[in-house]
Amino acid sequence: MQAQTSLTPDKPFFAYLSFGAVHAPHHVAPPWRQPYHGRFDHGWDLQRDGTLARQKELGVVPPQAELAPWPQGVPRWEQLSAQQKQVAAALMENYAAFAAHTDHQVNRLLDALTAMGVLDGTTNELFAFNGIQDTIERLVAELDKLGGPES
């Protein structure tokens, strides 16, 4: 993007960026995994409860949201052997590291687009699909609605 805009600064560009995260294969370097070592040793039962509690706290889900019924065929954490727990915790650590790595790369992209002066934003992706140019004034006026049913 930087090369294209430096060679043809008056021409717009289109970039399609499709990250592999967070589905298999979960490839991520050890330094990204290290911060998550031991973070999931409590198991997926407690992780599930804690995730919902944090989502409620952040307002991501409504306060009355409930967990879906426990999926058939998935054992409770206490039903696993020590080795099964070790493997499952390591897989959760790796998944979290992959998500963090992807977030980091997206931020690098946004920083580069900002530095290039070409970062556009909207709270309504359908505007662009319909050829409508959003304005910074409208975006500022809509900031309190971000993440809600109107965004």
Protein backbone atom coordinates (compact mmCIF):
# COMPACT_ATOMS: atom_id res chain seq x y z
CA MET A 1 0.00 0.00 0.00
CA GLN A 2 2.81 2.36 0.82
CA ALA A 3 4.61 1.58 -2.44
CA GLN A 4 1.47 2.04 -4.49
CA THR A 5 0.52 5.34 -2.87
CA SER A 6 4.06 6.67 -3.22
CA LEU A 7 4.13 5.79 -6.92
CA THR A 8 0.57 6.91 -7.72
CA PRO A 9 -0.56 9.18 -4.86
CA ASP A 10 -3.68 10.40 -6.67
CA LYS A 11 -5.06 6.92 -7.31
CA PRO A 12 -7.16 5.15 -4.70
CA PHE A 13 -6.29 1.60 -3.80
CA PHE A 14 -8.21 -1.45 -2.75
CA ALA A 15 -6.78 -3.93 -0.28
CA TYR A 16 -8.34 -7.22 0.70
CA LEU A 17 -6.70 -8.54 3.81
CA SER A 18 -7.83 -11.89 5.13
CA PHE A 19 -6.11 -13.03 8.29
CA GLY A 20 -5.91 -16.73 9.00
CA ALA A 21 -6.93 -16.18 12.59
CA VAL A 22 -8.39 -17.64 14.53
CA HIS A 23 -8.97 -20.95 12.85
CA ALA A 24 -6.73 -23.91 12.20
CA PRO A 25 -3.90 -24.15 11.77
CA HIS A 26 -3.11 -22.09 14.84
CA HIS A 27 0.45 -21.08 13.98
CA VAL A 28 1.97 -18.54 16.31
CA ALA A 29 5.55 -18.06 17.49
CA PRO A 30 6.53 -19.01 21.06
CA PRO A 31 7.06 -15.40 22.22
CA TRP A 32 3.36 -14.77 21.56
CA ARG A 33 2.36 -17.87 23.54
CA GLN A 34 4.49 -17.13 26.58
CA PRO A 35 2.23 -14.43 28.13
CA TYR A 36 -0.65 -16.91 28.15
CA HIS A 37 1.23 -19.75 29.86
CA GLY A 38 -0.90 -20.96 32.75
CA ARG A 39 -3.74 -18.52 32.06
CA PHE A 40 -6.23 -21.30 31.28
CA ASP A 41 -5.19 -23.89 33.84
CA HIS A 42 -8.49 -23.28 35.64
CA GLY A 43 -10.30 -24.98 32.74
CA TRP A 44 -12.98 -24.23 30.25
CA ASP A 45 -15.89 -24.40 32.70
CA LEU A 46 -14.55 -21.44 34.70
CA GLN A 47 -13.28 -19.71 31.56
CA ARG A 48 -16.75 -19.83 30.08
CA ASP A 49 -18.28 -18.29 33.22
CA GLY A 50 -15.57 -15.65 33.48
CA THR A 51 -15.87 -14.66 29.84
CA LEU A 52 -19.59 -14.06 30.16
CA ALA A 53 -19.09 -12.06 33.37
CA ARG A 54 -16.49 -9.83 31.64
CA GLN A 55 -18.75 -9.38 28.61
CA LYS A 56 -21.55 -8.21 30.90
CA GLU A 57 -19.16 -5.91 32.75
CA LEU A 58 -18.03 -4.37 29.46
CA GLY A 59 -21.58 -4.06 28.17
CA VAL A 60 -20.88 -6.39 25.23
CA VAL A 61 -23.89 -8.52 26.14
CA PRO A 62 -27.01 -7.53 28.09
CA PRO A 63 -26.98 -8.09 31.88
CA GLN A 64 -29.62 -10.82 31.60
CA ALA A 65 -27.60 -12.85 29.05
CA GLU A 66 -27.11 -16.48 29.98
CA LEU A 67 -24.71 -19.12 28.82
CA ALA A 68 -25.97 -21.60 26.26
CA PRO A 69 -26.61 -25.08 27.62
CA TRP A 70 -23.48 -27.18 28.08
CA PRO A 71 -22.75 -28.85 24.73
CA GLN A 72 -23.31 -32.59 24.56
CA GLY A 73 -20.13 -34.54 24.09
CA VAL A 74 -17.91 -31.94 25.77
CA PRO A 75 -16.73 -33.19 29.15
CA ARG A 76 -16.60 -30.96 32.18
CA TRP A 77 -13.09 -29.89 33.13
CA GLU A 78 -13.05 -32.03 36.26
CA GLN A 79 -13.79 -35.11 34.13
CA LEU A 80 -10.50 -34.77 32.24
CA SER A 81 -7.30 -36.56 33.18
CA ALA A 82 -4.27 -34.50 34.18
CA GLN A 83 -2.76 -35.02 30.72
CA GLN A 84 -5.98 -34.04 28.97
CA LYS A 85 -6.12 -30.86 31.06
CA GLN A 86 -2.50 -30.09 30.20
CA VAL A 87 -3.17 -30.45 26.48
CA ALA A 88 -6.47 -28.53 26.56
CA ALA A 89 -4.93 -25.64 28.53
CA ALA A 90 -2.02 -25.46 26.07
CA LEU A 91 -4.44 -25.37 23.14
CA MET A 92 -6.38 -22.51 24.76
CA GLU A 93 -3.11 -20.64 25.37
CA ASN A 94 -2.14 -21.07 21.74
CA TYR A 95 -5.54 -19.87 20.52
CA ALA A 96 -5.36 -16.76 22.73
CA ALA A 97 -1.84 -16.05 21.50
CA PHE A 98 -2.99 -16.35 17.89
CA ALA A 99 -5.81 -13.87 18.53
CA ALA A 100 -3.39 -11.45 20.24
CA HIS A 101 -0.94 -11.75 17.35
CA THR A 102 -3.70 -10.98 14.88
CA ASP A 103 -4.84 -7.95 16.90
CA HIS A 104 -1.25 -6.70 16.86
CA GLN A 105 -1.03 -7.04 13.08
CA VAL A 106 -4.36 -5.24 12.57
CA ASN A 107 -3.04 -2.39 14.73
CA ARG A 108 0.11 -2.23 12.62
CA LEU A 109 -2.06 -1.89 9.53
CA LEU A 110 -4.19 0.84 11.10
CA ASP A 111 -1.07 2.71 12.24
CA ALA A 112 0.36 2.53 8.71
CA LEU A 113 -2.88 3.75 7.13
CA THR A 114 -3.06 6.58 9.67
CA ALA A 115 0.55 7.57 8.98
CA MET A 116 -0.23 7.57 5.25
CA GLY A 117 -3.22 9.82 5.89
CA VAL A 118 -5.64 7.42 4.20
CA LEU A 119 -7.44 5.82 7.12
CA ASP A 120 -11.16 6.28 6.71
CA GLY A 121 -13.63 5.20 9.35
CA THR A 122 -17.32 4.71 9.74
CA THR A 123 -19.78 3.37 12.25
CA ASN A 124 -21.90 2.07 9.38
CA GLU A 125 -20.14 -0.18 6.89
CA LEU A 126 -23.24 -0.14 4.70
CA PHE A 127 -22.54 3.49 3.83
CA ALA A 128 -19.51 2.48 1.76
CA PHE A 129 -21.36 -0.43 0.16
CA ASN A 130 -23.99 2.03 -1.01
CA GLY A 131 -21.59 4.70 -2.22
CA ILE A 132 -22.30 7.09 0.64
CA GLN A 133 -19.38 9.14 1.96
CA ASP A 134 -19.39 9.36 5.75
CA THR A 135 -18.34 12.55 7.55
CA ILE A 136 -16.21 13.06 10.63
CA GLU A 137 -18.94 15.26 12.08
CA ARG A 138 -21.48 12.44 11.89
CA LEU A 139 -18.97 9.98 13.33
CA VAL A 140 -18.25 12.22 16.32
CA ALA A 141 -21.97 12.68 16.93
CA GLU A 142 -22.46 8.88 16.89
CA LEU A 143 -19.58 7.88 19.21
CA ASP A 144 -21.87 7.12 22.15
CA LYS A 145 -23.73 4.60 20.00
CA LEU A 146 -20.67 2.49 19.11
CA GLY A 147 -21.25 -1.19 19.76
CA GLY A 148 -24.97 -0.76 20.35
CA PRO A 149 -27.93 -1.79 18.22
CA GLU A 150 -27.75 1.43 16.18
CA SER A 151 -24.13 1.03 15.12
